[in-house]
Amino acid sequence: MTKNYTEINQDQHLLGSAYRKASPDTMNAFLGLHKAAMAEGVVPKKYKEMMASAIAIAIRCDGCIASHIKAAVVAGANREELVEMINVAVLMGGGPAIIYGTQALAAVDEFLGK
C-alpha cells in the first residue's frame, strides 16, 4: 500500500484547523511551542526537521512523517541526508521503524518530485 504524504498533510491540516476552532488555547499554545522549537538557531532548521523526522519514524506517526519530511526538504535536506537520517531512526526504532523508514523514503521522493 502506497501512502500519499501530500494528502496526509492536507488531511491533517483540515483536522488541525477544526481542532484549533474547538480548542484554540491548546492548539495555539502547541503551535507557539512548535514555532519556537523549530526556529533557526545554533542548530539549523534543516537538522531540527531531520531530528523530528527520525522521531516520527521511530514512533510510527504518518502525519508527523509527512509534515517533518516535507519541512526538511523545504529547509534544504537532500535525499542522501534524509536516507542517513532514516538509517539512524531505524537503528533507534528497531523492526517497526524499518517499515516506517521505508515509507518515509517514499515521502522523501514524493516531496523531492522523484
N, C-alpha and C. Protein backbone atom coordinates (compact mmCIF):
# COMPACT_ATOMS: atom_id res chain seq x y z
N MET A 1 0.83 -1.17 0.00
CA MET A 1 0.00 0.00 0.00
C MET A 1 0.88 1.24 0.00
N THR A 2 0.70 2.08 -0.97
CA THR A 2 1.44 3.32 -1.05
C THR A 2 0.65 4.44 -0.42
N LYS A 3 1.29 5.17 0.45
CA LYS A 3 0.64 6.30 1.10
C LYS A 3 0.95 7.57 0.30
N ASN A 4 0.03 8.51 0.30
CA ASN A 4 0.24 9.79 -0.35
C ASN A 4 0.46 10.82 0.75
N TYR A 5 1.69 11.23 0.94
CA TYR A 5 2.03 12.11 2.04
C TYR A 5 1.54 13.53 1.83
N THR A 6 1.35 13.94 0.58
CA THR A 6 0.75 15.24 0.32
C THR A 6 -0.69 15.24 0.83
N GLU A 7 -1.42 14.17 0.55
CA GLU A 7 -2.80 14.06 1.04
C GLU A 7 -2.84 13.95 2.56
N ILE A 8 -1.91 13.23 3.14
CA ILE A 8 -1.85 13.14 4.61
C ILE A 8 -1.66 14.53 5.20
N ASN A 9 -0.76 15.35 4.62
CA ASN A 9 -0.56 16.71 5.10
C ASN A 9 -1.83 17.54 4.96
N GLN A 10 -2.49 17.42 3.81
CA GLN A 10 -3.74 18.18 3.59
C GLN A 10 -4.81 17.77 4.58
N ASP A 11 -4.99 16.47 4.76
CA ASP A 11 -5.98 15.98 5.71
C ASP A 11 -5.67 16.46 7.13
N GLN A 12 -4.41 16.36 7.52
CA GLN A 12 -4.03 16.78 8.88
C GLN A 12 -4.23 18.27 9.06
N HIS A 13 -3.99 19.05 8.01
CA HIS A 13 -4.22 20.50 8.10
C HIS A 13 -5.69 20.79 8.38
N LEU A 14 -6.57 20.09 7.67
CA LEU A 14 -8.02 20.26 7.90
C LEU A 14 -8.40 19.84 9.31
N LEU A 15 -7.90 18.70 9.75
CA LEU A 15 -8.19 18.22 11.10
C LEU A 15 -7.64 19.18 12.16
N GLY A 16 -6.43 19.67 11.93
CA GLY A 16 -5.82 20.62 12.86
C GLY A 16 -6.60 21.92 12.93
N SER A 17 -7.09 22.40 11.78
CA SER A 17 -7.89 23.62 11.76
C SER A 17 -9.18 23.44 12.54
N ALA A 18 -9.82 22.29 12.37
CA ALA A 18 -11.05 22.01 13.11
C ALA A 18 -10.77 21.94 14.61
N TYR A 19 -9.68 21.30 14.98
CA TYR A 19 -9.33 21.21 16.40
C TYR A 19 -9.00 22.60 16.96
N ARG A 20 -8.33 23.43 16.16
CA ARG A 20 -7.99 24.78 16.61
C ARG A 20 -9.26 25.58 16.91
N LYS A 21 -10.30 25.40 16.09
CA LYS A 21 -11.58 26.07 16.35
C LYS A 21 -12.22 25.55 17.63
N ALA A 22 -12.11 24.25 17.86
CA ALA A 22 -12.71 23.64 19.05
C ALA A 22 -11.93 23.95 20.32
N SER A 23 -10.62 24.06 20.20
CA SER A 23 -9.76 24.26 21.38
C SER A 23 -8.63 25.23 21.03
N PRO A 24 -8.96 26.50 20.82
CA PRO A 24 -7.94 27.45 20.36
C PRO A 24 -6.78 27.64 21.33
N ASP A 25 -7.05 27.65 22.62
CA ASP A 25 -5.96 27.87 23.58
C ASP A 25 -4.91 26.76 23.50
N THR A 26 -5.38 25.52 23.47
CA THR A 26 -4.45 24.39 23.42
C THR A 26 -3.69 24.37 22.10
N MET A 27 -4.41 24.51 20.99
CA MET A 27 -3.75 24.43 19.68
C MET A 27 -2.80 25.61 19.47
N ASN A 28 -3.21 26.81 19.88
CA ASN A 28 -2.33 27.96 19.72
C ASN A 28 -1.08 27.83 20.58
N ALA A 29 -1.22 27.26 21.77
CA ALA A 29 -0.05 27.02 22.62
C ALA A 29 0.90 26.02 21.97
N PHE A 30 0.33 24.95 21.41
CA PHE A 30 1.17 23.96 20.74
C PHE A 30 1.86 24.57 19.53
N LEU A 31 1.13 25.35 18.73
CA LEU A 31 1.73 25.97 17.54
C LEU A 31 2.83 26.96 17.93
N GLY A 32 2.65 27.65 19.06
CA GLY A 32 3.71 28.54 19.55
C GLY A 32 4.95 27.77 19.95
N LEU A 33 4.74 26.64 20.63
CA LEU A 33 5.86 25.77 21.00
C LEU A 33 6.57 25.26 19.76
N HIS A 34 5.79 24.82 18.77
CA HIS A 34 6.36 24.31 17.51
C HIS A 34 7.21 25.39 16.84
N LYS A 35 6.68 26.59 16.76
CA LYS A 35 7.41 27.69 16.12
C LYS A 35 8.71 27.98 16.85
N ALA A 36 8.65 28.03 18.18
CA ALA A 36 9.85 28.31 18.97
C ALA A 36 10.89 27.20 18.83
N ALA A 37 10.45 25.96 18.91
CA ALA A 37 11.39 24.83 18.86
C ALA A 37 12.04 24.68 17.50
N MET A 38 11.30 24.99 16.43
CA MET A 38 11.81 24.76 15.07
C MET A 38 12.45 25.99 14.45
N ALA A 39 12.53 27.09 15.18
CA ALA A 39 13.13 28.32 14.64
C ALA A 39 14.62 28.11 14.35
N GLU A 40 15.11 28.83 13.34
CA GLU A 40 16.55 28.82 13.08
C GLU A 40 17.28 29.25 14.35
N GLY A 41 18.36 28.60 14.62
CA GLY A 41 19.15 28.95 15.80
C GLY A 41 20.55 28.39 15.61
N VAL A 42 21.19 28.03 16.70
CA VAL A 42 22.50 27.41 16.62
C VAL A 42 22.40 26.13 15.79
N VAL A 43 21.31 25.39 15.99
CA VAL A 43 21.04 24.21 15.17
C VAL A 43 20.12 24.67 14.03
N PRO A 44 20.56 24.52 12.77
CA PRO A 44 19.73 24.96 11.65
C PRO A 44 18.41 24.18 11.57
N LYS A 45 17.40 24.86 11.03
CA LYS A 45 16.07 24.29 10.89
C LYS A 45 16.10 22.94 10.17
N LYS A 46 16.94 22.81 9.14
CA LYS A 46 17.03 21.54 8.40
C LYS A 46 17.32 20.38 9.34
N TYR A 47 18.25 20.57 10.25
CA TYR A 47 18.61 19.49 11.17
C TYR A 47 17.52 19.25 12.21
N LYS A 48 16.86 20.30 12.64
CA LYS A 48 15.74 20.12 13.57
C LYS A 48 14.63 19.32 12.91
N GLU A 49 14.34 19.61 11.65
CA GLU A 49 13.30 18.86 10.94
C GLU A 49 13.73 17.41 10.71
N MET A 50 15.01 17.19 10.49
CA MET A 50 15.50 15.82 10.34
C MET A 50 15.40 15.06 11.67
N MET A 51 15.68 15.74 12.78
CA MET A 51 15.52 15.09 14.10
C MET A 51 14.06 14.74 14.34
N ALA A 52 13.17 15.67 14.03
CA ALA A 52 11.74 15.41 14.21
C ALA A 52 11.29 14.26 13.30
N SER A 53 11.84 14.20 12.09
CA SER A 53 11.51 13.12 11.16
C SER A 53 11.95 11.77 11.72
N ALA A 54 13.15 11.72 12.28
CA ALA A 54 13.64 10.46 12.86
C ALA A 54 12.75 10.00 14.01
N ILE A 55 12.34 10.93 14.84
CA ILE A 55 11.44 10.58 15.94
C ILE A 55 10.10 10.11 15.39
N ALA A 56 9.60 10.79 14.36
CA ALA A 56 8.32 10.41 13.74
C ALA A 56 8.36 8.97 13.23
N ILE A 57 9.48 8.58 12.63
CA ILE A 57 9.64 7.21 12.14
C ILE A 57 9.63 6.24 13.32
N ALA A 58 10.42 6.57 14.34
CA ALA A 58 10.55 5.66 15.48
C ALA A 58 9.23 5.47 16.22
N ILE A 59 8.39 6.51 16.27
CA ILE A 59 7.11 6.37 16.97
C ILE A 59 5.96 6.02 16.02
N ARG A 60 6.27 5.89 14.73
CA ARG A 60 5.31 5.44 13.71
C ARG A 60 4.11 6.37 13.56
N CYS A 61 4.40 7.65 13.29
CA CYS A 61 3.36 8.67 13.13
C CYS A 61 3.33 9.16 11.69
N ASP A 62 2.35 8.69 10.91
CA ASP A 62 2.26 9.07 9.50
C ASP A 62 2.17 10.58 9.30
N GLY A 63 1.32 11.23 10.07
CA GLY A 63 1.16 12.67 9.93
C GLY A 63 2.43 13.42 10.26
N CYS A 64 3.15 12.93 11.27
CA CYS A 64 4.42 13.54 11.66
C CYS A 64 5.47 13.34 10.57
N ILE A 65 5.52 12.13 10.00
CA ILE A 65 6.46 11.86 8.91
C ILE A 65 6.18 12.80 7.75
N ALA A 66 4.92 12.90 7.35
CA ALA A 66 4.56 13.75 6.22
C ALA A 66 4.95 15.20 6.48
N SER A 67 4.62 15.70 7.64
CA SER A 67 4.88 17.10 7.97
C SER A 67 6.38 17.40 8.06
N HIS A 68 7.12 16.57 8.78
CA HIS A 68 8.53 16.89 9.03
C HIS A 68 9.44 16.52 7.86
N ILE A 69 9.12 15.50 7.09
CA ILE A 69 9.91 15.22 5.89
C ILE A 69 9.74 16.37 4.90
N LYS A 70 8.50 16.82 4.70
CA LYS A 70 8.28 17.94 3.78
C LYS A 70 9.04 19.17 4.27
N ALA A 71 8.94 19.47 5.56
CA ALA A 71 9.64 20.63 6.11
C ALA A 71 11.15 20.49 5.99
N ALA A 72 11.68 19.29 6.14
CA ALA A 72 13.11 19.06 5.98
C ALA A 72 13.53 19.32 4.54
N VAL A 73 12.72 18.86 3.59
CA VAL A 73 13.01 19.09 2.17
C VAL A 73 12.98 20.60 1.88
N VAL A 74 11.95 21.27 2.36
CA VAL A 74 11.84 22.72 2.15
C VAL A 74 13.02 23.45 2.78
N ALA A 75 13.51 22.95 3.91
CA ALA A 75 14.65 23.56 4.60
C ALA A 75 15.99 23.21 3.95
N GLY A 76 15.96 22.38 2.89
CA GLY A 76 17.18 22.11 2.14
C GLY A 76 17.78 20.73 2.31
N ALA A 77 17.14 19.84 3.05
CA ALA A 77 17.68 18.49 3.19
C ALA A 77 17.59 17.75 1.86
N ASN A 78 18.65 17.05 1.52
CA ASN A 78 18.63 16.29 0.26
C ASN A 78 18.38 14.81 0.55
N ARG A 79 18.21 14.06 -0.50
CA ARG A 79 17.85 12.65 -0.37
C ARG A 79 18.89 11.86 0.42
N GLU A 80 20.16 12.11 0.14
CA GLU A 80 21.22 11.37 0.81
C GLU A 80 21.22 11.64 2.31
N GLU A 81 21.04 12.90 2.69
CA GLU A 81 20.96 13.24 4.11
C GLU A 81 19.76 12.57 4.76
N LEU A 82 18.63 12.59 4.06
CA LEU A 82 17.41 12.01 4.61
C LEU A 82 17.51 10.49 4.72
N VAL A 83 18.19 9.85 3.78
CA VAL A 83 18.39 8.40 3.88
C VAL A 83 19.23 8.08 5.12
N GLU A 84 20.28 8.86 5.37
CA GLU A 84 21.10 8.62 6.57
C GLU A 84 20.29 8.87 7.84
N MET A 85 19.41 9.87 7.82
CA MET A 85 18.54 10.11 8.96
C MET A 85 17.62 8.91 9.18
N ILE A 86 17.06 8.36 8.10
CA ILE A 86 16.21 7.18 8.20
C ILE A 86 17.00 6.02 8.80
N ASN A 87 18.28 5.88 8.41
CA ASN A 87 19.12 4.82 8.97
C ASN A 87 19.21 4.92 10.48
N VAL A 88 19.41 6.14 10.99
CA VAL A 88 19.51 6.34 12.44
C VAL A 88 18.16 6.04 13.11
N ALA A 89 17.06 6.47 12.48
CA ALA A 89 15.73 6.20 13.03
C ALA A 89 15.47 4.70 13.11
N VAL A 90 15.88 3.98 12.09
CA VAL A 90 15.71 2.52 12.08
C VAL A 90 16.53 1.89 13.20
N LEU A 91 17.76 2.34 13.36
CA LEU A 91 18.60 1.84 14.46
C LEU A 91 17.90 2.05 15.80
N MET A 92 17.35 3.24 16.01
CA MET A 92 16.75 3.57 17.29
C MET A 92 15.36 2.96 17.48
N GLY A 93 14.66 2.70 16.37
CA GLY A 93 13.29 2.22 16.46
C GLY A 93 13.12 0.73 16.27
N GLY A 94 14.16 0.05 15.85
CA GLY A 94 14.07 -1.39 15.65
C GLY A 94 13.19 -1.78 14.47
N GLY A 95 12.63 -3.00 14.54
CA GLY A 95 11.85 -3.57 13.44
C GLY A 95 10.72 -2.69 12.94
N PRO A 96 9.84 -2.16 13.83
CA PRO A 96 8.77 -1.31 13.32
C PRO A 96 9.28 -0.07 12.58
N ALA A 97 10.44 0.44 13.00
CA ALA A 97 10.99 1.63 12.33
C ALA A 97 11.43 1.32 10.91
N ILE A 98 11.82 0.08 10.61
CA ILE A 98 12.20 -0.25 9.23
C ILE A 98 11.00 -0.10 8.31
N ILE A 99 9.82 -0.49 8.79
CA ILE A 99 8.60 -0.35 7.99
C ILE A 99 8.31 1.13 7.74
N TYR A 100 8.33 1.93 8.80
CA TYR A 100 8.05 3.35 8.65
C TYR A 100 9.20 4.08 7.98
N GLY A 101 10.41 3.60 8.14
CA GLY A 101 11.55 4.20 7.43
C GLY A 101 11.43 4.05 5.93
N THR A 102 11.01 2.87 5.48
CA THR A 102 10.83 2.68 4.03
C THR A 102 9.69 3.56 3.53
N GLN A 103 8.66 3.74 4.36
CA GLN A 103 7.56 4.62 3.96
C GLN A 103 7.99 6.08 3.98
N ALA A 104 8.85 6.46 4.92
CA ALA A 104 9.37 7.82 4.95
C ALA A 104 10.21 8.11 3.70
N LEU A 105 10.93 7.11 3.19
CA LEU A 105 11.69 7.30 1.95
C LEU A 105 10.74 7.60 0.80
N ALA A 106 9.57 6.97 0.78
CA ALA A 106 8.57 7.30 -0.24
C ALA A 106 8.13 8.75 -0.10
N ALA A 107 8.01 9.24 1.13
CA ALA A 107 7.66 10.65 1.35
C ALA A 107 8.78 11.56 0.86
N VAL A 108 10.04 11.18 1.11
CA VAL A 108 11.19 11.95 0.61
C VAL A 108 11.08 12.08 -0.91
N ASP A 109 10.91 10.98 -1.58
CA ASP A 109 10.83 11.01 -3.05
C ASP A 109 9.63 11.80 -3.54
N GLU A 110 8.51 11.67 -2.84
CA GLU A 110 7.31 12.43 -3.22
C GLU A 110 7.56 13.92 -3.14
N PHE A 111 8.13 14.38 -2.03
CA PHE A 111 8.33 15.81 -1.83
C PHE A 111 9.51 16.36 -2.64
N LEU A 112 10.43 15.52 -3.02
CA LEU A 112 11.52 15.96 -3.91
C LEU A 112 11.12 15.83 -5.38
N GLY A 113 9.94 15.31 -5.64
CA GLY A 113 9.45 15.19 -7.01
C GLY A 113 10.11 14.08 -7.80
N LYS A 114 10.53 13.03 -7.13
CA LYS A 114 11.21 11.91 -7.81
C LYS A 114 10.22 10.87 -8.25
